[in-house]
Amino acid sequence: MSQSPSWCPQTFLDTYLFAAEAHRGQTVPGTQGLSYILHLSTVAMEVCAALTVEDFERPNLGMQCALLHDVIEDTDTTYEQVAQRFGDDVARGVMALTKDEGLPKPEAMADSLQRIRDCSPEVWAVKLADRITNLQKPPAKWSPEKRTYYVNEADIILAQLGDASAYLRERLRLKIVEYRSQHCGSD
């Protein structure tokens, strides 16, 4: 008999439906109109894959933050709404994963990484998973400099958060190598 997952499928479904509704109408940038829930699903898939091979104290926290990681940043959903529906720990994790748009780009990344590091490893894992899924073929409009900047940010994320998950650390390391070879020329 197989062991049941360490995360709750009903909690996954409830969180997924909330995220899908919050992001209704949004699409994945650089695609032909793919629903944004695809991105959230792939981030959650990466986190859930890590949960199958590593022991996290709070697997539901990681999975829920994966599905909700852009809900405050990219929708009208507030911290308070997330806290009321999913609890303070999930809301804090989602808020840590939300960039402060009032800061210059490099400062916003450093600020977000510090807030993530103040959270539990499950939240760190979400940021690793998010960058893994984002290291796909870049939008055609991205300049070589932007592609290089983006992958260099991935190096910083890996260095700062890689201790959260050996599985995701290796996945991200390999995605960085692949991205550089395919999209950054000889950088």
N, C-alpha and C. Protein backbone atom coordinates (compact mmCIF):
# COMPACT_ATOMS: atom_id res chain seq x y z
N MET A 1 0.84 -1.19 0.00
CA MET A 1 0.00 0.00 0.00
C MET A 1 0.88 1.24 0.00
N SER A 2 0.55 2.21 -0.86
CA SER A 2 1.37 3.41 -0.96
C SER A 2 1.04 4.39 0.15
N GLN A 3 2.02 5.20 0.47
CA GLN A 3 1.87 6.21 1.51
C GLN A 3 1.11 7.41 0.94
N SER A 4 0.25 8.02 1.75
CA SER A 4 -0.48 9.20 1.29
C SER A 4 0.46 10.39 1.24
N PRO A 5 0.12 11.42 0.43
CA PRO A 5 1.01 12.58 0.33
C PRO A 5 1.11 13.31 1.67
N SER A 6 2.24 14.02 1.84
CA SER A 6 2.45 14.75 3.09
C SER A 6 1.64 16.05 3.10
N TRP A 7 1.09 16.44 1.96
CA TRP A 7 0.25 17.62 1.87
C TRP A 7 -1.18 17.17 1.61
N CYS A 8 -2.12 18.01 1.91
CA CYS A 8 -3.54 17.65 1.84
C CYS A 8 -4.11 18.00 0.46
N PRO A 9 -4.58 17.01 -0.29
CA PRO A 9 -5.17 17.29 -1.60
C PRO A 9 -6.35 18.26 -1.54
N GLN A 10 -7.18 18.19 -0.50
CA GLN A 10 -8.32 19.12 -0.41
C GLN A 10 -7.84 20.55 -0.19
N THR A 11 -6.80 20.71 0.61
CA THR A 11 -6.21 22.04 0.81
C THR A 11 -5.63 22.55 -0.50
N PHE A 12 -4.98 21.66 -1.26
CA PHE A 12 -4.45 22.03 -2.58
C PHE A 12 -5.59 22.54 -3.46
N LEU A 13 -6.67 21.77 -3.54
CA LEU A 13 -7.79 22.14 -4.41
C LEU A 13 -8.42 23.46 -3.99
N ASP A 14 -8.66 23.65 -2.69
CA ASP A 14 -9.25 24.91 -2.21
C ASP A 14 -8.35 26.10 -2.56
N THR A 15 -7.05 25.94 -2.38
CA THR A 15 -6.10 27.01 -2.66
C THR A 15 -6.01 27.26 -4.17
N TYR A 16 -5.99 26.19 -4.93
CA TYR A 16 -5.92 26.28 -6.40
C TYR A 16 -7.13 27.06 -6.94
N LEU A 17 -8.31 26.73 -6.46
CA LEU A 17 -9.52 27.41 -6.93
C LEU A 17 -9.51 28.90 -6.57
N PHE A 18 -9.04 29.21 -5.37
CA PHE A 18 -8.92 30.61 -4.96
C PHE A 18 -7.95 31.35 -5.89
N ALA A 19 -6.79 30.74 -6.15
CA ALA A 19 -5.79 31.36 -7.03
C ALA A 19 -6.32 31.52 -8.45
N ALA A 20 -7.00 30.49 -8.94
CA ALA A 20 -7.54 30.56 -10.31
C ALA A 20 -8.55 31.69 -10.44
N GLU A 21 -9.39 31.83 -9.45
CA GLU A 21 -10.39 32.91 -9.47
C GLU A 21 -9.71 34.28 -9.37
N ALA A 22 -8.73 34.41 -8.48
CA ALA A 22 -8.04 35.69 -8.30
C ALA A 22 -7.30 36.11 -9.57
N HIS A 23 -6.74 35.15 -10.28
CA HIS A 23 -5.95 35.45 -11.49
C HIS A 23 -6.77 35.31 -12.77
N ARG A 24 -8.10 35.20 -12.64
CA ARG A 24 -8.96 35.03 -13.81
C ARG A 24 -8.68 36.12 -14.85
N GLY A 25 -8.49 35.68 -16.09
CA GLY A 25 -8.25 36.62 -17.18
C GLY A 25 -6.78 36.95 -17.40
N GLN A 26 -5.94 36.64 -16.45
CA GLN A 26 -4.51 36.91 -16.63
C GLN A 26 -3.90 35.78 -17.44
N THR A 27 -2.88 36.13 -18.21
CA THR A 27 -2.20 35.13 -19.03
C THR A 27 -0.70 35.12 -18.72
N VAL A 28 -0.06 34.04 -19.09
CA VAL A 28 1.38 33.93 -18.91
C VAL A 28 2.07 34.84 -19.92
N PRO A 29 2.89 35.78 -19.45
CA PRO A 29 3.57 36.67 -20.40
C PRO A 29 4.39 35.89 -21.42
N GLY A 30 4.38 36.36 -22.65
CA GLY A 30 5.17 35.74 -23.70
C GLY A 30 4.54 34.50 -24.32
N THR A 31 3.27 34.22 -23.96
CA THR A 31 2.58 33.06 -24.55
C THR A 31 1.43 33.55 -25.40
N GLN A 32 0.83 32.64 -26.08
CA GLN A 32 -0.33 32.94 -26.92
C GLN A 32 -1.61 32.87 -26.09
N GLY A 33 -1.60 33.49 -24.91
CA GLY A 33 -2.81 33.58 -24.10
C GLY A 33 -3.02 32.44 -23.12
N LEU A 34 -1.96 31.71 -22.76
CA LEU A 34 -2.13 30.64 -21.78
C LEU A 34 -2.54 31.23 -20.44
N SER A 35 -3.49 30.60 -19.79
CA SER A 35 -3.99 31.07 -18.50
C SER A 35 -2.87 31.09 -17.46
N TYR A 36 -2.87 32.13 -16.63
CA TYR A 36 -1.83 32.30 -15.62
C TYR A 36 -1.80 31.16 -14.60
N ILE A 37 -2.91 30.48 -14.43
CA ILE A 37 -2.94 29.37 -13.47
C ILE A 37 -1.93 28.31 -13.88
N LEU A 38 -1.55 28.26 -15.16
CA LEU A 38 -0.52 27.32 -15.60
C LEU A 38 0.79 27.59 -14.86
N HIS A 39 1.18 28.85 -14.78
CA HIS A 39 2.42 29.19 -14.06
C HIS A 39 2.32 28.77 -12.60
N LEU A 40 1.22 29.12 -11.96
CA LEU A 40 1.05 28.77 -10.55
C LEU A 40 1.07 27.26 -10.35
N SER A 41 0.48 26.54 -11.27
CA SER A 41 0.46 25.08 -11.19
C SER A 41 1.86 24.49 -11.33
N THR A 42 2.67 25.04 -12.21
CA THR A 42 4.01 24.49 -12.38
C THR A 42 4.89 24.80 -11.18
N VAL A 43 4.71 25.95 -10.56
CA VAL A 43 5.45 26.25 -9.33
C VAL A 43 5.02 25.27 -8.23
N ALA A 44 3.72 25.07 -8.10
CA ALA A 44 3.22 24.11 -7.10
C ALA A 44 3.71 22.69 -7.40
N MET A 45 3.77 22.32 -8.68
CA MET A 45 4.26 21.00 -9.06
C MET A 45 5.70 20.82 -8.59
N GLU A 46 6.54 21.83 -8.80
CA GLU A 46 7.94 21.76 -8.36
C GLU A 46 8.02 21.58 -6.84
N VAL A 47 7.22 22.35 -6.11
CA VAL A 47 7.22 22.24 -4.65
C VAL A 47 6.72 20.86 -4.23
N CYS A 48 5.65 20.39 -4.82
CA CYS A 48 5.11 19.07 -4.47
C CYS A 48 6.10 17.96 -4.81
N ALA A 49 6.85 18.11 -5.89
CA ALA A 49 7.88 17.12 -6.23
C ALA A 49 8.94 17.09 -5.13
N ALA A 50 9.34 18.26 -4.65
CA ALA A 50 10.32 18.31 -3.55
C ALA A 50 9.75 17.66 -2.29
N LEU A 51 8.46 17.85 -2.06
CA LEU A 51 7.82 17.25 -0.88
C LEU A 51 7.83 15.73 -0.91
N THR A 52 7.92 15.16 -2.11
CA THR A 52 7.93 13.69 -2.20
C THR A 52 9.29 13.10 -1.86
N VAL A 53 10.35 13.90 -1.93
CA VAL A 53 11.69 13.37 -1.69
C VAL A 53 12.38 13.98 -0.47
N GLU A 54 11.78 15.01 0.12
CA GLU A 54 12.38 15.67 1.28
C GLU A 54 11.33 15.87 2.36
N ASP A 55 11.80 15.95 3.58
CA ASP A 55 10.90 16.18 4.71
C ASP A 55 10.85 17.66 5.05
N PHE A 56 9.69 18.24 4.87
CA PHE A 56 9.43 19.60 5.30
C PHE A 56 8.47 19.52 6.47
N GLU A 57 8.65 20.40 7.43
CA GLU A 57 7.76 20.39 8.60
C GLU A 57 6.34 20.77 8.24
N ARG A 58 6.17 21.69 7.28
CA ARG A 58 4.85 22.23 6.97
C ARG A 58 4.60 22.17 5.46
N PRO A 59 4.37 20.98 4.94
CA PRO A 59 4.22 20.84 3.49
C PRO A 59 3.05 21.63 2.90
N ASN A 60 1.94 21.72 3.64
CA ASN A 60 0.81 22.49 3.12
C ASN A 60 1.17 23.97 2.96
N LEU A 61 1.99 24.49 3.85
CA LEU A 61 2.41 25.88 3.75
C LEU A 61 3.16 26.12 2.44
N GLY A 62 4.08 25.23 2.11
CA GLY A 62 4.83 25.39 0.86
C GLY A 62 3.93 25.30 -0.36
N MET A 63 3.06 24.32 -0.36
CA MET A 63 2.16 24.12 -1.50
C MET A 63 1.20 25.31 -1.65
N GLN A 64 0.66 25.79 -0.54
CA GLN A 64 -0.27 26.92 -0.62
C GLN A 64 0.44 28.20 -1.06
N CYS A 65 1.61 28.45 -0.52
CA CYS A 65 2.36 29.65 -0.94
C CYS A 65 2.75 29.55 -2.41
N ALA A 66 3.01 28.35 -2.90
CA ALA A 66 3.32 28.19 -4.32
C ALA A 66 2.14 28.62 -5.18
N LEU A 67 0.96 28.18 -4.82
CA LEU A 67 -0.23 28.53 -5.60
C LEU A 67 -0.62 30.00 -5.47
N LEU A 68 -0.28 30.60 -4.34
CA LEU A 68 -0.71 31.97 -4.06
C LEU A 68 0.41 33.00 -4.19
N HIS A 69 1.61 32.59 -4.61
CA HIS A 69 2.78 33.47 -4.48
C HIS A 69 2.64 34.79 -5.24
N ASP A 70 1.83 34.87 -6.26
CA ASP A 70 1.65 36.12 -7.01
C ASP A 70 0.31 36.81 -6.74
N VAL A 71 -0.49 36.28 -5.86
CA VAL A 71 -1.86 36.78 -5.71
C VAL A 71 -1.92 38.19 -5.14
N ILE A 72 -1.02 38.55 -4.25
CA ILE A 72 -1.01 39.91 -3.71
C ILE A 72 -0.34 40.86 -4.70
N GLU A 73 0.73 40.39 -5.32
CA GLU A 73 1.51 41.22 -6.25
C GLU A 73 0.75 41.52 -7.54
N ASP A 74 0.00 40.55 -8.05
CA ASP A 74 -0.57 40.67 -9.40
C ASP A 74 -2.09 40.76 -9.47
N THR A 75 -2.77 40.78 -8.34
CA THR A 75 -4.24 40.88 -8.36
C THR A 75 -4.69 41.90 -7.31
N ASP A 76 -5.98 42.07 -7.19
CA ASP A 76 -6.54 42.98 -6.18
C ASP A 76 -6.65 42.33 -4.81
N THR A 77 -6.22 41.08 -4.69
CA THR A 77 -6.30 40.36 -3.43
C THR A 77 -5.36 41.00 -2.40
N THR A 78 -5.84 41.16 -1.19
CA THR A 78 -5.04 41.79 -0.14
C THR A 78 -4.44 40.74 0.81
N TYR A 79 -3.47 41.19 1.55
CA TYR A 79 -2.87 40.37 2.61
C TYR A 79 -3.96 39.89 3.57
N GLU A 80 -4.84 40.80 3.93
CA GLU A 80 -5.90 40.48 4.89
C GLU A 80 -6.81 39.38 4.34
N GLN A 81 -7.13 39.43 3.06
CA GLN A 81 -7.98 38.39 2.47
C GLN A 81 -7.29 37.03 2.49
N VAL A 82 -6.00 37.02 2.19
CA VAL A 82 -5.25 35.76 2.23
C VAL A 82 -5.20 35.25 3.66
N ALA A 83 -4.92 36.13 4.62
CA ALA A 83 -4.85 35.73 6.03
C ALA A 83 -6.19 35.19 6.52
N GLN A 84 -7.27 35.86 6.16
CA GLN A 84 -8.59 35.42 6.60
C GLN A 84 -8.93 34.05 6.03
N ARG A 85 -8.58 33.81 4.79
CA ARG A 85 -8.95 32.55 4.12
C ARG A 85 -8.00 31.40 4.45
N PHE A 86 -6.68 31.71 4.54
CA PHE A 86 -5.69 30.64 4.66
C PHE A 86 -4.82 30.72 5.91
N GLY A 87 -4.97 31.76 6.70
CA GLY A 87 -4.20 31.88 7.95
C GLY A 87 -3.02 32.82 7.81
N ASP A 88 -2.54 33.27 8.96
CA ASP A 88 -1.46 34.25 9.00
C ASP A 88 -0.15 33.72 8.41
N ASP A 89 0.18 32.46 8.66
CA ASP A 89 1.45 31.94 8.15
C ASP A 89 1.49 31.92 6.63
N VAL A 90 0.40 31.53 6.00
CA VAL A 90 0.34 31.54 4.53
C VAL A 90 0.42 32.98 4.03
N ALA A 91 -0.33 33.88 4.66
CA ALA A 91 -0.32 35.28 4.24
C ALA A 91 1.08 35.89 4.38
N ARG A 92 1.78 35.58 5.48
CA ARG A 92 3.14 36.09 5.66
C ARG A 92 4.07 35.53 4.58
N GLY A 93 3.92 34.25 4.26
CA GLY A 93 4.74 33.65 3.21
C GLY A 93 4.48 34.30 1.87
N VAL A 94 3.21 34.51 1.53
CA VAL A 94 2.86 35.14 0.26
C VAL A 94 3.39 36.58 0.23
N MET A 95 3.28 37.27 1.34
CA MET A 95 3.77 38.66 1.40
C MET A 95 5.29 38.71 1.23
N ALA A 96 6.00 37.75 1.82
CA ALA A 96 7.46 37.71 1.65
C ALA A 96 7.83 37.47 0.18
N LEU A 97 7.02 36.71 -0.53
CA LEU A 97 7.26 36.40 -1.94
C LEU A 97 6.82 37.53 -2.87
N THR A 98 6.20 38.56 -2.31
CA THR A 98 5.71 39.71 -3.08
C THR A 98 6.76 40.80 -3.12
N LYS A 99 7.16 41.17 -4.33
CA LYS A 99 8.16 42.23 -4.47
C LYS A 99 7.55 43.58 -4.09
N ASP A 100 8.37 44.42 -3.48
CA ASP A 100 7.98 45.79 -3.18
C ASP A 100 8.22 46.61 -4.43
N GLU A 101 7.17 46.91 -5.17
CA GLU A 101 7.26 47.63 -6.44
C GLU A 101 7.76 49.06 -6.27
N GLY A 102 7.78 49.57 -5.05
CA GLY A 102 8.27 50.92 -4.81
C GLY A 102 9.79 51.01 -4.76
N LEU A 103 10.47 49.88 -4.74
CA LEU A 103 11.93 49.86 -4.68
C LEU A 103 12.51 49.66 -6.08
N PRO A 104 13.71 50.19 -6.33
CA PRO A 104 14.40 49.88 -7.59
C PRO A 104 14.60 48.37 -7.70
N LYS A 105 14.66 47.86 -8.93
CA LYS A 105 14.69 46.42 -9.17
C LYS A 105 15.72 45.65 -8.34
N PRO A 106 17.00 46.05 -8.33
CA PRO A 106 17.97 45.29 -7.53
C PRO A 106 17.64 45.31 -6.03
N GLU A 107 17.19 46.46 -5.55
CA GLU A 107 16.82 46.56 -4.13
C GLU A 107 15.58 45.73 -3.83
N ALA A 108 14.64 45.68 -4.75
CA ALA A 108 13.41 44.90 -4.55
C ALA A 108 13.75 43.42 -4.40
N MET A 109 14.67 42.92 -5.21
CA MET A 109 15.08 41.51 -5.10
C MET A 109 15.74 41.24 -3.76
N ALA A 110 16.68 42.10 -3.36
CA ALA A 110 17.37 41.92 -2.08
C ALA A 110 16.39 41.98 -0.92
N ASP A 111 15.45 42.92 -0.98
CA ASP A 111 14.44 43.06 0.07
C ASP A 111 13.56 41.81 0.14
N SER A 112 13.11 41.34 -1.01
CA SER A 112 12.27 40.14 -1.04
C SER A 112 13.02 38.92 -0.51
N LEU A 113 14.26 38.76 -0.94
CA LEU A 113 15.05 37.61 -0.47
C LEU A 113 15.24 37.66 1.05
N GLN A 114 15.45 38.85 1.60
CA GLN A 114 15.59 38.95 3.05
C GLN A 114 14.29 38.57 3.75
N ARG A 115 13.17 39.04 3.23
CA ARG A 115 11.88 38.69 3.84
C ARG A 115 11.61 37.19 3.71
N ILE A 116 11.97 36.61 2.58
CA ILE A 116 11.80 35.16 2.39
C ILE A 116 12.68 34.41 3.40
N ARG A 117 13.92 34.86 3.58
CA ARG A 117 14.84 34.18 4.51
C ARG A 117 14.33 34.26 5.95
N ASP A 118 13.48 35.22 6.25
CA ASP A 118 12.89 35.32 7.59
C ASP A 118 11.73 34.34 7.78
N CYS A 119 11.35 33.66 6.72
CA CYS A 119 10.26 32.67 6.76
C CYS A 119 10.83 31.25 6.87
N SER A 120 9.95 30.31 6.92
CA SER A 120 10.36 28.91 7.01
C SER A 120 10.87 28.40 5.66
N PRO A 121 11.61 27.30 5.65
CA PRO A 121 12.18 26.76 4.41
C PRO A 121 11.14 26.45 3.33
N GLU A 122 9.91 26.19 3.70
CA GLU A 122 8.87 25.94 2.70
C GLU A 122 8.67 27.15 1.81
N VAL A 123 8.78 28.34 2.36
CA VAL A 123 8.64 29.58 1.57
C VAL A 123 9.87 29.78 0.70
N TRP A 124 11.04 29.45 1.21
CA TRP A 124 12.26 29.50 0.41
C TRP A 124 12.09 28.61 -0.82
N ALA A 125 11.54 27.42 -0.58
CA ALA A 125 11.36 26.44 -1.67
C ALA A 125 10.47 27.01 -2.78
N VAL A 126 9.48 27.81 -2.41
CA VAL A 126 8.59 28.40 -3.41
C VAL A 126 9.38 29.33 -4.33
N LYS A 127 10.26 30.14 -3.77
CA LYS A 127 11.04 31.06 -4.60
C LYS A 127 11.97 30.28 -5.53
N LEU A 128 12.57 29.21 -5.04
CA LEU A 128 13.39 28.35 -5.89
C LEU A 128 12.55 27.78 -7.03
N ALA A 129 11.37 27.27 -6.69
CA ALA A 129 10.48 26.66 -7.68
C ALA A 129 9.99 27.70 -8.69
N ASP A 130 9.71 28.89 -8.23
CA ASP A 130 9.25 29.96 -9.12
C ASP A 130 10.32 30.28 -10.17
N ARG A 131 11.57 30.39 -9.74
CA ARG A 131 12.61 30.72 -10.71
C ARG A 131 12.89 29.53 -11.63
N ILE A 132 12.77 28.31 -11.13
CA ILE A 132 12.92 27.13 -12.00
C ILE A 132 11.91 27.23 -13.14
N THR A 133 10.67 27.50 -12.81
CA THR A 133 9.63 27.53 -13.84
C THR A 133 9.75 28.74 -14.75
N ASN A 134 10.33 29.82 -14.25
CA ASN A 134 10.49 31.02 -15.07
C ASN A 134 11.70 30.96 -16.00
N LEU A 135 12.60 30.04 -15.76
CA LEU A 135 13.77 29.93 -16.63
C LEU A 135 13.44 29.09 -17.86
N GLN A 136 12.44 29.54 -18.58
CA GLN A 136 12.04 28.95 -19.84
C GLN A 136 12.56 29.86 -20.95
N LYS A 137 12.15 29.60 -22.17
CA LYS A 137 12.53 30.47 -23.27
C LYS A 137 12.04 31.89 -22.96
N PRO A 138 12.93 32.88 -22.96
CA PRO A 138 12.51 34.24 -22.62
C PRO A 138 11.65 34.85 -23.73
N PRO A 139 10.83 35.83 -23.38
CA PRO A 139 10.07 36.53 -24.42
C PRO A 139 11.01 37.09 -25.48
N ALA A 140 10.58 37.08 -26.71
CA ALA A 140 11.40 37.54 -27.84
C ALA A 140 11.86 38.97 -27.66
N LYS A 141 11.07 39.79 -26.98
CA LYS A 141 11.42 41.20 -26.82
C LYS A 141 12.54 41.44 -25.80
N TRP A 142 12.92 40.40 -25.05
CA TRP A 142 13.98 40.59 -24.06
C TRP A 142 15.33 40.76 -24.75
N SER A 143 16.06 41.76 -24.34
CA SER A 143 17.40 42.00 -24.87
C SER A 143 18.37 40.97 -24.28
N PRO A 144 19.53 40.80 -24.90
CA PRO A 144 20.55 39.91 -24.31
C PRO A 144 20.92 40.34 -22.89
N GLU A 145 20.95 41.65 -22.65
CA GLU A 145 21.29 42.14 -21.31
C GLU A 145 20.23 41.74 -20.29
N LYS A 146 18.95 41.83 -20.68
CA LYS A 146 17.88 41.45 -19.75
C LYS A 146 17.92 39.96 -19.46
N ARG A 147 18.18 39.14 -20.48
CA ARG A 147 18.27 37.69 -20.26
C ARG A 147 19.42 37.37 -19.30
N THR A 148 20.54 38.04 -19.49
CA THR A 148 21.70 37.81 -18.61
C THR A 148 21.40 38.28 -17.19
N TYR A 149 20.79 39.45 -17.06
CA TYR A 149 20.41 39.96 -15.74
C TYR A 149 19.49 38.96 -15.03
N TYR A 150 18.53 38.42 -15.76
CA TYR A 150 17.54 37.51 -15.17
C TYR A 150 18.20 36.23 -14.67
N VAL A 151 19.10 35.67 -15.46
CA VAL A 151 19.76 34.44 -15.03
C VAL A 151 20.75 34.73 -13.91
N ASN A 152 21.34 35.91 -13.90
CA ASN A 152 22.22 36.28 -12.79
C ASN A 152 21.43 36.41 -11.49
N GLU A 153 20.20 36.90 -11.58
CA GLU A 153 19.32 36.91 -10.41
C GLU A 153 19.08 35.50 -9.91
N ALA A 154 18.93 34.56 -10.82
CA ALA A 154 18.72 33.16 -10.43
C ALA A 154 19.91 32.64 -9.63
N ASP A 155 21.12 33.06 -10.01
CA ASP A 155 22.32 32.68 -9.23
C ASP A 155 22.21 33.18 -7.80
N ILE A 156 21.73 34.40 -7.64
CA ILE A 156 21.59 34.99 -6.30
C ILE A 156 20.54 34.22 -5.50
N ILE A 157 19.41 33.92 -6.13
CA ILE A 157 18.35 33.15 -5.47
C ILE A 157 18.90 31.79 -5.03
N LEU A 158 19.63 31.14 -5.91
CA LEU A 158 20.22 29.84 -5.59
C LEU A 158 21.17 29.94 -4.40
N ALA A 159 22.04 30.93 -4.41
CA ALA A 159 23.00 31.10 -3.32
C ALA A 159 22.32 31.43 -1.99
N GLN A 160 21.27 32.24 -2.04
CA GLN A 160 20.63 32.69 -0.80
C GLN A 160 19.63 31.68 -0.22
N LEU A 161 18.97 30.90 -1.11
CA LEU A 161 17.87 30.06 -0.65
C LEU A 161 18.07 28.57 -0.90
N GLY A 162 19.15 28.20 -1.55
CA GLY A 162 19.36 26.81 -1.95
C GLY A 162 19.38 25.82 -0.81
N ASP A 163 19.69 26.27 0.40
CA ASP A 163 19.74 25.34 1.54
C ASP A 163 18.37 24.82 1.95
N ALA A 164 17.31 25.41 1.43
CA ALA A 164 15.96 24.96 1.79
C ALA A 164 15.65 23.57 1.26
N SER A 165 16.22 23.25 0.10
CA SER A 165 15.86 21.99 -0.56
C SER A 165 16.98 21.55 -1.49
N ALA A 166 17.58 20.42 -1.19
CA ALA A 166 18.63 19.88 -2.07
C ALA A 166 18.05 19.56 -3.45
N TYR A 167 16.83 19.06 -3.47
CA TYR A 167 16.18 18.70 -4.73
C TYR A 167 15.97 19.94 -5.60
N LEU A 168 15.37 20.99 -5.05
CA LEU A 168 15.12 22.21 -5.82
C LEU A 168 16.41 22.95 -6.13
N ARG A 169 17.37 22.88 -5.23
CA ARG A 169 18.67 23.51 -5.49
C ARG A 169 19.30 22.92 -6.75
N GLU A 170 19.28 21.60 -6.87
CA GLU A 170 19.86 20.96 -8.05
C GLU A 170 19.04 21.25 -9.30
N ARG A 171 17.71 21.25 -9.17
CA ARG A 171 16.85 21.58 -10.32
C ARG A 171 17.16 22.99 -10.82
N LEU A 172 17.28 23.95 -9.89
CA LEU A 172 17.56 25.32 -10.30
C LEU A 172 18.97 25.44 -10.89
N ARG A 173 19.93 24.78 -10.29
CA ARG A 173 21.30 24.83 -10.83
C ARG A 173 21.33 24.36 -12.29
N LEU A 174 20.65 23.27 -12.55
CA LEU A 174 20.61 22.74 -13.92
C LEU A 174 19.86 23.67 -14.87
N LYS A 175 18.78 24.28 -14.41
CA LYS A 175 18.02 25.23 -15.25
C LYS A 175 18.87 26.46 -15.58
N ILE A 176 19.67 26.91 -14.63
CA ILE A 176 20.55 28.05 -14.86
C ILE A 176 21.56 27.72 -15.96
N VAL A 177 22.18 26.55 -15.85
CA VAL A 177 23.15 26.13 -16.86
C VAL A 177 22.48 26.04 -18.23
N GLU A 178 21.33 25.42 -18.28
CA GLU A 178 20.60 25.27 -19.55
C GLU A 178 20.21 26.62 -20.13
N TYR A 179 19.67 27.51 -19.30
CA TYR A 179 19.25 28.84 -19.75
C TYR A 179 20.43 29.62 -20.32
N ARG A 180 21.55 29.60 -19.58
CA ARG A 180 22.73 30.34 -20.07
C ARG A 180 23.18 29.81 -21.42
N SER A 181 23.21 28.49 -21.57
CA SER A 181 23.72 27.92 -22.83
C SER A 181 22.77 28.18 -23.98
N GLN A 182 21.47 28.24 -23.72
CA GLN A 182 20.50 28.41 -24.78
C GLN A 182 20.10 29.85 -25.06
N HIS A 183 20.20 30.71 -24.06
CA HIS A 183 19.63 32.06 -24.23
C HIS A 183 20.57 33.22 -23.91
N CYS A 184 21.80 32.90 -23.50
CA CYS A 184 22.72 33.99 -23.13
C CYS A 184 24.01 33.95 -23.92
N GLY A 185 24.07 33.19 -24.95
CA GLY A 185 25.27 33.15 -25.77
C GLY A 185 26.47 32.67 -24.99
N SER A 186 27.53 33.42 -25.02
CA SER A 186 28.79 33.01 -24.38
C SER A 186 28.98 33.62 -23.01
N ASP A 187 27.91 34.14 -22.39
CA ASP A 187 28.04 34.78 -21.06
C ASP A 187 28.49 33.81 -20.02
